[in-house]
N, C-alpha and C. Protein backbone atom coordinates (compact mmCIF):
# COMPACT_ATOMS: atom_id res chain seq x y z
N MET A 1 133.08 275.34 -101.53
CA MET A 1 131.78 275.29 -102.18
C MET A 1 130.69 275.62 -101.16
N HIS A 2 129.73 276.41 -101.58
CA HIS A 2 128.58 276.78 -100.76
C HIS A 2 127.34 276.17 -101.40
N ASP A 3 126.55 275.45 -100.61
CA ASP A 3 125.37 274.76 -101.11
C ASP A 3 124.19 275.17 -100.21
N SER A 4 123.14 275.73 -100.81
CA SER A 4 121.99 276.16 -100.00
C SER A 4 120.69 275.88 -100.73
N ARG A 5 119.62 275.81 -99.97
CA ARG A 5 118.28 275.60 -100.52
C ARG A 5 117.38 276.74 -100.07
N HIS A 6 116.48 277.14 -100.97
CA HIS A 6 115.60 278.28 -100.69
C HIS A 6 114.20 277.99 -101.21
N ILE A 7 113.26 278.75 -100.71
CA ILE A 7 111.88 278.69 -101.18
C ILE A 7 111.54 280.05 -101.76
N TRP A 8 111.13 280.07 -103.02
CA TRP A 8 110.67 281.29 -103.68
C TRP A 8 109.19 281.14 -103.98
N THR A 9 108.46 282.21 -103.86
CA THR A 9 107.05 282.24 -104.26
C THR A 9 106.89 283.34 -105.29
N ILE A 10 106.25 283.01 -106.41
CA ILE A 10 106.05 284.00 -107.47
C ILE A 10 104.84 284.85 -107.11
N ASP A 11 105.09 286.12 -106.79
CA ASP A 11 104.00 287.05 -106.49
C ASP A 11 103.33 287.55 -107.75
N ALA A 12 104.12 287.83 -108.79
CA ALA A 12 103.57 288.37 -110.04
C ALA A 12 104.53 288.11 -111.18
N LEU A 13 103.96 287.93 -112.38
CA LEU A 13 104.72 287.82 -113.62
C LEU A 13 104.16 288.85 -114.57
N ASP A 14 105.03 289.74 -115.09
CA ASP A 14 104.54 290.79 -115.96
C ASP A 14 105.68 291.36 -116.79
N ASP A 15 105.45 291.54 -118.07
CA ASP A 15 106.41 292.18 -118.97
C ASP A 15 107.82 291.61 -118.87
N GLY A 16 107.92 290.29 -118.81
CA GLY A 16 109.24 289.66 -118.79
C GLY A 16 109.95 289.70 -117.46
N ALA A 17 109.26 290.12 -116.40
CA ALA A 17 109.87 290.17 -115.07
C ALA A 17 108.97 289.44 -114.08
N ALA A 18 109.58 288.94 -113.03
CA ALA A 18 108.83 288.24 -111.98
C ALA A 18 109.16 288.85 -110.63
N ALA A 19 108.11 289.13 -109.85
CA ALA A 19 108.29 289.55 -108.46
C ALA A 19 108.30 288.27 -107.63
N ILE A 20 109.40 288.03 -106.94
CA ILE A 20 109.63 286.79 -106.21
C ILE A 20 109.78 287.08 -104.72
N GLU A 21 109.00 286.37 -103.90
CA GLU A 21 109.21 286.43 -102.45
C GLU A 21 110.26 285.38 -102.13
N VAL A 22 111.35 285.81 -101.54
CA VAL A 22 112.49 284.93 -101.27
C VAL A 22 112.47 284.51 -99.80
N ASP A 23 112.31 283.22 -99.58
CA ASP A 23 112.32 282.65 -98.23
C ASP A 23 111.35 283.35 -97.27
N GLY A 24 110.25 283.88 -97.80
CA GLY A 24 109.24 284.51 -96.97
C GLY A 24 109.66 285.82 -96.33
N ARG A 25 110.78 286.40 -96.78
CA ARG A 25 111.30 287.60 -96.12
C ARG A 25 111.27 288.84 -96.98
N GLN A 26 111.69 288.73 -98.20
CA GLN A 26 111.83 289.92 -99.04
C GLN A 26 111.30 289.62 -100.44
N VAL A 27 110.89 290.66 -101.13
CA VAL A 27 110.44 290.51 -102.51
C VAL A 27 111.47 291.17 -103.41
N THR A 28 111.86 290.46 -104.44
CA THR A 28 112.83 290.98 -105.39
C THR A 28 112.35 290.68 -106.81
N THR A 29 112.81 291.45 -107.76
CA THR A 29 112.42 291.27 -109.16
C THR A 29 113.55 290.57 -109.90
N ILE A 30 113.18 289.56 -110.68
CA ILE A 30 114.16 288.84 -111.49
C ILE A 30 113.60 288.72 -112.91
N PRO A 31 114.47 288.47 -113.90
CA PRO A 31 113.96 288.24 -115.26
C PRO A 31 113.14 286.94 -115.29
N ALA A 32 112.01 286.97 -115.96
CA ALA A 32 111.14 285.80 -116.02
C ALA A 32 111.80 284.62 -116.74
N TRP A 33 112.75 284.89 -117.63
CA TRP A 33 113.39 283.80 -118.38
C TRP A 33 114.20 282.87 -117.48
N ILE A 34 114.48 283.29 -116.27
CA ILE A 34 115.21 282.43 -115.33
C ILE A 34 114.31 281.30 -114.82
N LEU A 35 113.01 281.53 -114.80
CA LEU A 35 112.06 280.58 -114.21
C LEU A 35 111.73 279.42 -115.14
N PRO A 36 111.27 278.31 -114.57
CA PRO A 36 110.80 277.21 -115.42
C PRO A 36 109.69 277.70 -116.36
N ALA A 37 109.60 277.10 -117.54
CA ALA A 37 108.65 277.56 -118.56
C ALA A 37 107.20 277.51 -118.09
N THR A 38 106.85 276.58 -117.21
CA THR A 38 105.46 276.44 -116.77
C THR A 38 105.13 277.27 -115.53
N ALA A 39 106.12 277.95 -114.98
CA ALA A 39 105.90 278.71 -113.74
C ALA A 39 104.89 279.83 -113.95
N LYS A 40 104.04 280.03 -112.92
CA LYS A 40 103.03 281.08 -112.99
C LYS A 40 102.87 281.73 -111.62
N ALA A 41 102.20 282.86 -111.59
CA ALA A 41 101.97 283.58 -110.33
C ALA A 41 101.31 282.64 -109.33
N GLY A 42 101.80 282.69 -108.11
CA GLY A 42 101.29 281.84 -107.04
C GLY A 42 102.09 280.58 -106.82
N ASP A 43 102.91 280.18 -107.80
CA ASP A 43 103.69 278.96 -107.66
C ASP A 43 104.76 279.12 -106.59
N VAL A 44 105.00 278.01 -105.89
CA VAL A 44 106.11 277.92 -104.94
C VAL A 44 107.23 277.18 -105.66
N LEU A 45 108.43 277.72 -105.55
CA LEU A 45 109.59 277.15 -106.24
C LEU A 45 110.62 276.65 -105.24
N ALA A 46 111.13 275.47 -105.49
CA ALA A 46 112.25 274.93 -104.71
C ALA A 46 113.53 275.33 -105.44
N VAL A 47 114.41 276.03 -104.74
CA VAL A 47 115.63 276.56 -105.36
C VAL A 47 116.85 275.95 -104.67
N HIS A 48 117.73 275.38 -105.47
CA HIS A 48 118.98 274.83 -104.97
C HIS A 48 120.11 275.68 -105.57
N HIS A 49 120.94 276.22 -104.70
CA HIS A 49 122.02 277.11 -105.13
C HIS A 49 123.36 276.49 -104.76
N VAL A 50 124.23 276.37 -105.75
CA VAL A 50 125.60 275.91 -105.51
C VAL A 50 126.54 277.00 -106.00
N ARG A 51 127.41 277.44 -105.10
CA ARG A 51 128.36 278.51 -105.45
C ARG A 51 129.78 278.05 -105.14
N THR A 52 130.64 278.21 -106.13
CA THR A 52 132.07 277.92 -105.96
C THR A 52 132.83 279.22 -106.19
N GLY A 53 134.12 279.13 -106.24
CA GLY A 53 134.92 280.32 -106.47
C GLY A 53 134.71 280.92 -107.85
N THR A 54 134.35 280.12 -108.84
CA THR A 54 134.25 280.63 -110.20
C THR A 54 132.86 280.51 -110.83
N SER A 55 131.90 279.93 -110.11
CA SER A 55 130.56 279.80 -110.70
C SER A 55 129.47 279.81 -109.63
N SER A 56 128.26 280.08 -110.10
CA SER A 56 127.08 280.06 -109.25
C SER A 56 125.97 279.40 -110.07
N THR A 57 125.40 278.32 -109.55
CA THR A 57 124.40 277.55 -110.29
C THR A 57 123.11 277.47 -109.48
N LEU A 58 122.00 277.83 -110.13
CA LEU A 58 120.68 277.71 -109.52
C LEU A 58 119.91 276.60 -110.23
N THR A 59 119.26 275.75 -109.47
CA THR A 59 118.30 274.80 -110.00
C THR A 59 116.96 275.22 -109.42
N ILE A 60 116.01 275.56 -110.28
CA ILE A 60 114.72 276.09 -109.85
C ILE A 60 113.64 275.15 -110.36
N GLU A 61 112.85 274.60 -109.44
CA GLU A 61 111.79 273.67 -109.81
C GLU A 61 110.47 274.12 -109.18
N VAL A 62 109.39 274.00 -109.94
CA VAL A 62 108.06 274.26 -109.39
C VAL A 62 107.77 273.14 -108.39
N ASP A 63 107.42 273.51 -107.17
CA ASP A 63 107.07 272.55 -106.13
C ASP A 63 105.54 272.46 -106.08
N SER A 64 104.98 271.52 -106.82
CA SER A 64 103.52 271.42 -106.94
C SER A 64 102.84 271.18 -105.60
N GLU A 65 103.42 270.36 -104.76
CA GLU A 65 102.82 270.06 -103.45
C GLU A 65 102.81 271.31 -102.56
N ALA A 66 103.92 272.03 -102.52
CA ALA A 66 103.99 273.25 -101.72
C ALA A 66 103.04 274.32 -102.27
N THR A 67 102.91 274.38 -103.59
CA THR A 67 101.98 275.34 -104.22
C THR A 67 100.55 275.01 -103.81
N ARG A 68 100.19 273.73 -103.88
CA ARG A 68 98.85 273.29 -103.48
C ARG A 68 98.57 273.65 -102.02
N ALA A 69 99.54 273.38 -101.16
CA ALA A 69 99.39 273.69 -99.72
C ALA A 69 99.23 275.19 -99.50
N ALA A 70 99.98 276.00 -100.23
CA ALA A 70 99.88 277.46 -100.09
C ALA A 70 98.50 277.95 -100.51
N PHE A 71 97.96 277.40 -101.61
CA PHE A 71 96.63 277.79 -102.05
C PHE A 71 95.57 277.36 -101.04
N GLN A 72 95.74 276.20 -100.42
CA GLN A 72 94.79 275.75 -99.41
C GLN A 72 94.82 276.67 -98.18
N ARG A 73 96.03 277.07 -97.75
CA ARG A 73 96.14 278.00 -96.62
C ARG A 73 95.46 279.32 -96.95
N SER A 74 95.71 279.81 -98.17
CA SER A 74 95.12 281.07 -98.60
C SER A 74 93.59 280.98 -98.62
N ALA A 75 93.07 279.88 -99.16
CA ALA A 75 91.61 279.70 -99.20
C ALA A 75 91.04 279.65 -97.79
N GLY A 76 91.74 279.03 -96.87
CA GLY A 76 91.30 278.99 -95.47
C GLY A 76 91.27 280.37 -94.85
N GLN A 77 92.26 281.18 -95.15
CA GLN A 77 92.30 282.54 -94.62
C GLN A 77 91.15 283.38 -95.19
N VAL A 78 90.87 283.22 -96.47
CA VAL A 78 89.77 283.94 -97.10
C VAL A 78 88.44 283.53 -96.45
N GLU A 79 88.25 282.24 -96.22
CA GLU A 79 87.02 281.75 -95.59
C GLU A 79 86.88 282.29 -94.17
N THR A 80 87.98 282.32 -93.43
CA THR A 80 87.94 282.88 -92.07
C THR A 80 87.54 284.35 -92.09
N MET A 81 88.09 285.11 -93.03
CA MET A 81 87.75 286.53 -93.13
C MET A 81 86.29 286.72 -93.55
N ARG A 82 85.80 285.87 -94.45
CA ARG A 82 84.41 285.95 -94.89
C ARG A 82 83.47 285.73 -93.70
N ARG A 83 83.76 284.73 -92.90
CA ARG A 83 82.93 284.44 -91.71
C ARG A 83 82.98 285.59 -90.71
N LEU A 84 84.17 286.14 -90.50
CA LEU A 84 84.32 287.26 -89.57
C LEU A 84 83.51 288.47 -90.04
N MET A 85 83.58 288.76 -91.34
CA MET A 85 82.83 289.90 -91.87
C MET A 85 81.33 289.66 -91.76
N GLN A 86 80.86 288.44 -92.00
CA GLN A 86 79.44 288.12 -91.85
C GLN A 86 79.01 288.30 -90.39
N GLN A 87 79.85 287.84 -89.47
CA GLN A 87 79.51 287.97 -88.04
C GLN A 87 79.46 289.43 -87.64
N ARG A 88 80.40 290.22 -88.09
CA ARG A 88 80.41 291.66 -87.76
C ARG A 88 79.18 292.35 -88.34
N LYS A 89 78.78 291.94 -89.55
CA LYS A 89 77.59 292.52 -90.17
C LYS A 89 76.35 292.16 -89.35
N ARG A 90 76.25 290.89 -88.92
CA ARG A 90 75.11 290.47 -88.10
C ARG A 90 75.11 291.22 -86.77
N ASP A 91 76.28 291.35 -86.16
CA ASP A 91 76.39 292.06 -84.88
C ASP A 91 75.99 293.52 -85.05
N GLY A 92 76.38 294.14 -86.16
CA GLY A 92 76.02 295.52 -86.44
C GLY A 92 74.52 295.67 -86.65
N GLU A 93 73.91 294.72 -87.33
CA GLU A 93 72.46 294.77 -87.55
C GLU A 93 71.72 294.58 -86.25
N THR A 94 72.23 293.71 -85.38
CA THR A 94 71.61 293.48 -84.08
C THR A 94 71.70 294.73 -83.21
N ALA A 95 72.88 295.36 -83.20
CA ALA A 95 73.07 296.56 -82.40
C ALA A 95 72.20 297.71 -82.93
N ALA A 96 72.08 297.82 -84.25
CA ALA A 96 71.27 298.90 -84.84
C ALA A 96 69.79 298.68 -84.57
N GLY A 97 69.35 297.43 -84.44
CA GLY A 97 67.95 297.13 -84.20
C GLY A 97 67.55 297.25 -82.73
N SER A 98 68.49 297.44 -81.83
CA SER A 98 68.19 297.50 -80.39
C SER A 98 67.54 298.79 -79.99
């Protein structure tokens, strides 16, 4: 028996398919019906995989805490970029006024 755990992030849901980032390495498309009914783009999923000689079982759960943390990291990155762009704009205005 093979037992493993993975982290999936839903990049997009469209037309019955989901683009999933698997363990932060690759993006693959899967049928949306595999996902929990409440899953939406941006959600982080905890995936437990059990494989035996005759079966393969996935348990997929929305990880609300990991999703919240991912959104907070993303918001922080956006804020950092906003500040950087404002600083570059100010620096450009200062250089142009010299």
